[in-house]
Amino acid sequence: MKEFTFAVQDENGMHARPAGRLATYAKRYTSQILVKTDKKEVDCKRLLALMSLGAQKGTMLTFCISGEDEEQACAEMERFCKEQWGNGVPINEYE
């Protein structure tokens, strides 16, 4: 299993548009991709599940990826988060 953590910095949090982009991107991989907050864990490939996280600015999202393409999926999902939400802070770059 691979994982990375990303801090939501967008003033609007994880609303429908970014959640939809994230779910669509995650569907490219066969690995299971879960997104966790301190309160909940959901399937990253499901738009409504992502929105149910209620992720606001400052929410820490932990992506847990497991499966046959987990290495590639983890690297590319992390890159996707950085590029799509450039104002977000990829936590493990600073650890």
N, C-alpha and C. Protein backbone atom coordinates (compact mmCIF):
# COMPACT_ATOMS: atom_id res chain seq x y z
N MET A 1 0.85 -1.18 0.00
CA MET A 1 0.00 0.00 0.00
C MET A 1 0.89 1.24 0.00
N LYS A 2 0.48 2.22 -0.77
CA LYS A 2 1.16 3.51 -0.84
C LYS A 2 0.20 4.57 -0.32
N GLU A 3 0.75 5.66 0.20
CA GLU A 3 -0.13 6.75 0.62
C GLU A 3 0.60 8.09 0.59
N PHE A 4 -0.21 9.13 0.51
CA PHE A 4 0.30 10.49 0.62
C PHE A 4 -0.81 11.34 1.24
N THR A 5 -0.40 12.45 1.81
CA THR A 5 -1.34 13.36 2.47
C THR A 5 -1.30 14.70 1.78
N PHE A 6 -2.47 15.28 1.64
CA PHE A 6 -2.61 16.56 0.96
C PHE A 6 -3.53 17.46 1.78
N ALA A 7 -3.11 18.69 2.01
CA ALA A 7 -3.91 19.65 2.78
C ALA A 7 -4.74 20.50 1.83
N VAL A 8 -6.04 20.54 2.05
CA VAL A 8 -6.93 21.37 1.24
C VAL A 8 -6.68 22.83 1.59
N GLN A 9 -6.31 23.63 0.60
CA GLN A 9 -6.06 25.04 0.82
C GLN A 9 -7.04 25.94 0.09
N ASP A 10 -7.84 25.38 -0.80
CA ASP A 10 -8.82 26.14 -1.54
C ASP A 10 -9.87 26.72 -0.60
N GLU A 11 -10.17 27.98 -0.74
CA GLU A 11 -11.15 28.65 0.12
C GLU A 11 -12.52 27.99 0.06
N ASN A 12 -12.86 27.36 -1.07
CA ASN A 12 -14.16 26.71 -1.25
C ASN A 12 -14.15 25.24 -0.86
N GLY A 13 -13.02 24.72 -0.43
CA GLY A 13 -12.94 23.32 -0.04
C GLY A 13 -13.11 22.38 -1.22
N MET A 14 -13.53 21.15 -0.93
CA MET A 14 -13.74 20.13 -1.96
C MET A 14 -15.20 20.15 -2.38
N HIS A 15 -15.52 21.02 -3.34
CA HIS A 15 -16.89 21.10 -3.83
C HIS A 15 -17.04 20.22 -5.06
N ALA A 16 -18.18 20.28 -5.74
CA ALA A 16 -18.52 19.34 -6.82
C ALA A 16 -17.50 19.30 -7.96
N ARG A 17 -17.05 20.43 -8.43
CA ARG A 17 -16.16 20.43 -9.60
C ARG A 17 -14.83 19.74 -9.31
N PRO A 18 -14.10 20.14 -8.26
CA PRO A 18 -12.83 19.44 -8.01
C PRO A 18 -13.03 17.98 -7.60
N ALA A 19 -14.11 17.68 -6.89
CA ALA A 19 -14.38 16.29 -6.52
C ALA A 19 -14.64 15.46 -7.77
N GLY A 20 -15.35 16.01 -8.73
CA GLY A 20 -15.62 15.31 -9.98
C GLY A 20 -14.36 15.04 -10.77
N ARG A 21 -13.48 16.03 -10.83
CA ARG A 21 -12.21 15.85 -11.53
C ARG A 21 -11.37 14.77 -10.87
N LEU A 22 -11.35 14.79 -9.54
CA LEU A 22 -10.57 13.81 -8.79
C LEU A 22 -11.12 12.40 -9.00
N ALA A 23 -12.42 12.23 -8.92
CA ALA A 23 -13.04 10.91 -9.12
C ALA A 23 -12.77 10.40 -10.53
N THR A 24 -12.91 11.26 -11.51
CA THR A 24 -12.67 10.86 -12.91
C THR A 24 -11.22 10.44 -13.10
N TYR A 25 -10.29 11.18 -12.53
CA TYR A 25 -8.88 10.84 -12.67
C TYR A 25 -8.57 9.52 -11.98
N ALA A 26 -9.13 9.29 -10.80
CA ALA A 26 -8.88 8.07 -10.03
C ALA A 26 -9.36 6.82 -10.77
N LYS A 27 -10.38 6.97 -11.59
CA LYS A 27 -10.93 5.82 -12.32
C LYS A 27 -9.98 5.29 -13.38
N ARG A 28 -8.90 5.99 -13.64
CA ARG A 28 -7.91 5.53 -14.62
C ARG A 28 -7.13 4.32 -14.12
N TYR A 29 -7.17 4.07 -12.82
CA TYR A 29 -6.32 3.05 -12.19
C TYR A 29 -7.15 1.87 -11.70
N THR A 30 -6.54 0.69 -11.75
CA THR A 30 -7.23 -0.50 -11.24
C THR A 30 -7.11 -0.61 -9.72
N SER A 31 -6.12 0.03 -9.13
CA SER A 31 -5.94 -0.02 -7.69
C SER A 31 -7.11 0.61 -6.96
N GLN A 32 -7.33 0.15 -5.74
CA GLN A 32 -8.32 0.78 -4.88
C GLN A 32 -7.68 2.07 -4.34
N ILE A 33 -8.43 3.16 -4.42
CA ILE A 33 -7.93 4.45 -3.94
C ILE A 33 -8.94 4.97 -2.92
N LEU A 34 -8.51 5.04 -1.67
CA LEU A 34 -9.35 5.54 -0.60
C LEU A 34 -8.84 6.91 -0.19
N VAL A 35 -9.76 7.78 0.20
CA VAL A 35 -9.41 9.09 0.72
C VAL A 35 -9.96 9.16 2.14
N LYS A 36 -9.08 9.53 3.08
CA LYS A 36 -9.47 9.57 4.49
C LYS A 36 -9.28 10.97 5.06
N THR A 37 -10.21 11.33 5.93
CA THR A 37 -10.03 12.49 6.80
C THR A 37 -9.94 11.92 8.21
N ASP A 38 -9.90 12.79 9.21
CA ASP A 38 -9.86 12.27 10.58
C ASP A 38 -11.19 11.66 11.00
N LYS A 39 -12.25 11.85 10.20
CA LYS A 39 -13.58 11.35 10.57
C LYS A 39 -14.14 10.29 9.64
N LYS A 40 -13.66 10.20 8.42
CA LYS A 40 -14.33 9.37 7.43
C LYS A 40 -13.34 8.87 6.38
N GLU A 41 -13.70 7.72 5.76
CA GLU A 41 -12.91 7.14 4.67
C GLU A 41 -13.87 6.81 3.53
N VAL A 42 -13.51 7.22 2.30
CA VAL A 42 -14.39 6.98 1.15
C VAL A 42 -13.59 6.51 -0.05
N ASP A 43 -14.31 5.95 -1.03
CA ASP A 43 -13.75 5.52 -2.30
C ASP A 43 -13.54 6.76 -3.17
N CYS A 44 -12.31 6.98 -3.58
CA CYS A 44 -11.97 8.17 -4.37
C CYS A 44 -12.61 8.17 -5.75
N LYS A 45 -13.08 7.03 -6.21
CA LYS A 45 -13.66 6.92 -7.54
C LYS A 45 -15.15 7.28 -7.54
N ARG A 46 -15.69 7.65 -6.39
CA ARG A 46 -17.12 7.96 -6.28
C ARG A 46 -17.31 9.43 -5.91
N LEU A 47 -17.86 10.19 -6.84
CA LEU A 47 -18.06 11.63 -6.67
C LEU A 47 -18.83 11.97 -5.40
N LEU A 48 -19.98 11.37 -5.20
CA LEU A 48 -20.80 11.70 -4.03
C LEU A 48 -20.11 11.33 -2.73
N ALA A 49 -19.33 10.26 -2.77
CA ALA A 49 -18.57 9.87 -1.58
C ALA A 49 -17.53 10.94 -1.25
N LEU A 50 -16.83 11.43 -2.26
CA LEU A 50 -15.84 12.49 -2.03
C LEU A 50 -16.50 13.74 -1.45
N MET A 51 -17.63 14.11 -2.02
CA MET A 51 -18.32 15.30 -1.53
C MET A 51 -18.81 15.12 -0.09
N SER A 52 -19.12 13.87 0.27
CA SER A 52 -19.61 13.60 1.63
C SER A 52 -18.54 13.83 2.69
N LEU A 53 -17.27 13.93 2.27
CA LEU A 53 -16.20 14.21 3.23
C LEU A 53 -16.36 15.60 3.86
N GLY A 54 -16.99 16.50 3.12
CA GLY A 54 -17.15 17.86 3.63
C GLY A 54 -15.81 18.55 3.85
N ALA A 55 -14.85 18.25 3.00
CA ALA A 55 -13.49 18.78 3.17
C ALA A 55 -13.46 20.28 2.92
N GLN A 56 -13.14 21.02 3.94
CA GLN A 56 -13.02 22.47 3.88
C GLN A 56 -11.54 22.84 3.87
N LYS A 57 -11.28 24.11 3.72
CA LYS A 57 -9.90 24.59 3.76
C LYS A 57 -9.25 24.12 5.06
N GLY A 58 -8.05 23.53 4.92
CA GLY A 58 -7.32 23.04 6.09
C GLY A 58 -7.52 21.56 6.36
N THR A 59 -8.51 20.94 5.73
CA THR A 59 -8.73 19.51 5.93
C THR A 59 -7.57 18.72 5.35
N MET A 60 -7.08 17.78 6.13
CA MET A 60 -6.01 16.89 5.68
C MET A 60 -6.64 15.67 5.03
N LEU A 61 -6.29 15.42 3.77
CA LEU A 61 -6.78 14.26 3.04
C LEU A 61 -5.63 13.27 2.90
N THR A 62 -5.84 12.04 3.34
CA THR A 62 -4.85 10.99 3.18
C THR A 62 -5.35 10.04 2.11
N PHE A 63 -4.56 9.86 1.08
CA PHE A 63 -4.88 8.97 -0.03
C PHE A 63 -4.16 7.65 0.23
N CYS A 64 -4.92 6.56 0.29
CA CYS A 64 -4.37 5.22 0.49
C CYS A 64 -4.64 4.41 -0.76
N ILE A 65 -3.59 3.92 -1.38
CA ILE A 65 -3.70 3.28 -2.69
C ILE A 65 -3.10 1.88 -2.60
N SER A 66 -3.91 0.89 -3.01
CA SER A 66 -3.41 -0.48 -3.00
C SER A 66 -3.93 -1.23 -4.21
N GLY A 67 -3.03 -2.01 -4.82
CA GLY A 67 -3.40 -2.78 -5.99
C GLY A 67 -2.22 -2.94 -6.92
N GLU A 68 -2.50 -3.51 -8.08
CA GLU A 68 -1.42 -3.86 -9.00
C GLU A 68 -0.71 -2.65 -9.60
N ASP A 69 -1.37 -1.52 -9.69
CA ASP A 69 -0.70 -0.33 -10.25
C ASP A 69 -0.54 0.78 -9.19
N GLU A 70 -0.37 0.37 -7.93
CA GLU A 70 -0.33 1.34 -6.83
C GLU A 70 0.83 2.33 -6.92
N GLU A 71 1.99 1.87 -7.39
CA GLU A 71 3.14 2.78 -7.50
C GLU A 71 2.82 3.93 -8.45
N GLN A 72 2.38 3.57 -9.64
CA GLN A 72 2.05 4.57 -10.65
C GLN A 72 0.87 5.43 -10.21
N ALA A 73 -0.16 4.79 -9.67
CA ALA A 73 -1.35 5.52 -9.23
C ALA A 73 -1.01 6.53 -8.15
N CYS A 74 -0.20 6.14 -7.19
CA CYS A 74 0.16 7.05 -6.09
C CYS A 74 0.91 8.26 -6.62
N ALA A 75 1.92 8.01 -7.43
CA ALA A 75 2.74 9.11 -7.97
C ALA A 75 1.88 10.06 -8.81
N GLU A 76 1.03 9.50 -9.66
CA GLU A 76 0.24 10.34 -10.55
C GLU A 76 -0.93 11.02 -9.84
N MET A 77 -1.51 10.38 -8.83
CA MET A 77 -2.58 11.04 -8.06
C MET A 77 -2.01 12.22 -7.27
N GLU A 78 -0.82 12.03 -6.71
CA GLU A 78 -0.19 13.13 -5.97
C GLU A 78 0.13 14.29 -6.91
N ARG A 79 0.67 13.97 -8.07
CA ARG A 79 0.96 15.01 -9.07
C ARG A 79 -0.32 15.72 -9.49
N PHE A 80 -1.38 14.94 -9.70
CA PHE A 80 -2.67 15.51 -10.08
C PHE A 80 -3.15 16.52 -9.03
N CYS A 81 -3.08 16.14 -7.76
CA CYS A 81 -3.51 17.05 -6.69
C CYS A 81 -2.70 18.34 -6.70
N LYS A 82 -1.40 18.23 -6.88
CA LYS A 82 -0.54 19.41 -6.92
C LYS A 82 -0.89 20.32 -8.10
N GLU A 83 -1.12 19.71 -9.26
CA GLU A 83 -1.39 20.50 -10.45
C GLU A 83 -2.79 21.10 -10.46
N GLN A 84 -3.77 20.34 -10.03
CA GLN A 84 -5.15 20.81 -10.05
C GLN A 84 -5.42 21.84 -8.96
N TRP A 85 -4.81 21.64 -7.83
CA TRP A 85 -5.03 22.55 -6.69
C TRP A 85 -3.68 23.08 -6.27
N GLY A 86 -3.07 23.83 -7.15
CA GLY A 86 -1.72 24.34 -6.94
C GLY A 86 -1.55 25.11 -5.66
N ASN A 87 -2.66 25.58 -5.10
CA ASN A 87 -2.54 26.28 -3.84
C ASN A 87 -2.61 25.33 -2.66
N GLY A 88 -2.75 24.03 -2.94
CA GLY A 88 -2.71 23.03 -1.88
C GLY A 88 -1.27 22.76 -1.50
N VAL A 89 -1.05 22.17 -0.36
CA VAL A 89 0.29 21.90 0.10
C VAL A 89 0.48 20.39 0.22
N PRO A 90 1.27 19.77 -0.66
CA PRO A 90 1.55 18.35 -0.54
C PRO A 90 2.44 18.13 0.70
N ILE A 91 1.89 17.57 1.73
CA ILE A 91 2.54 17.48 3.02
C ILE A 91 3.86 16.72 2.98
N ASN A 92 3.90 15.54 2.36
CA ASN A 92 5.10 14.73 2.47
C ASN A 92 6.30 15.30 1.73
N GLU A 93 6.16 16.37 0.97
CA GLU A 93 7.34 17.03 0.41
C GLU A 93 8.12 17.75 1.50
N TYR A 94 7.49 18.06 2.61
CA TYR A 94 8.11 18.84 3.66
C TYR A 94 8.46 18.00 4.88
N GLU A 95 8.22 16.70 4.81
CA GLU A 95 8.53 15.84 5.96
C GLU A 95 9.92 15.26 5.83
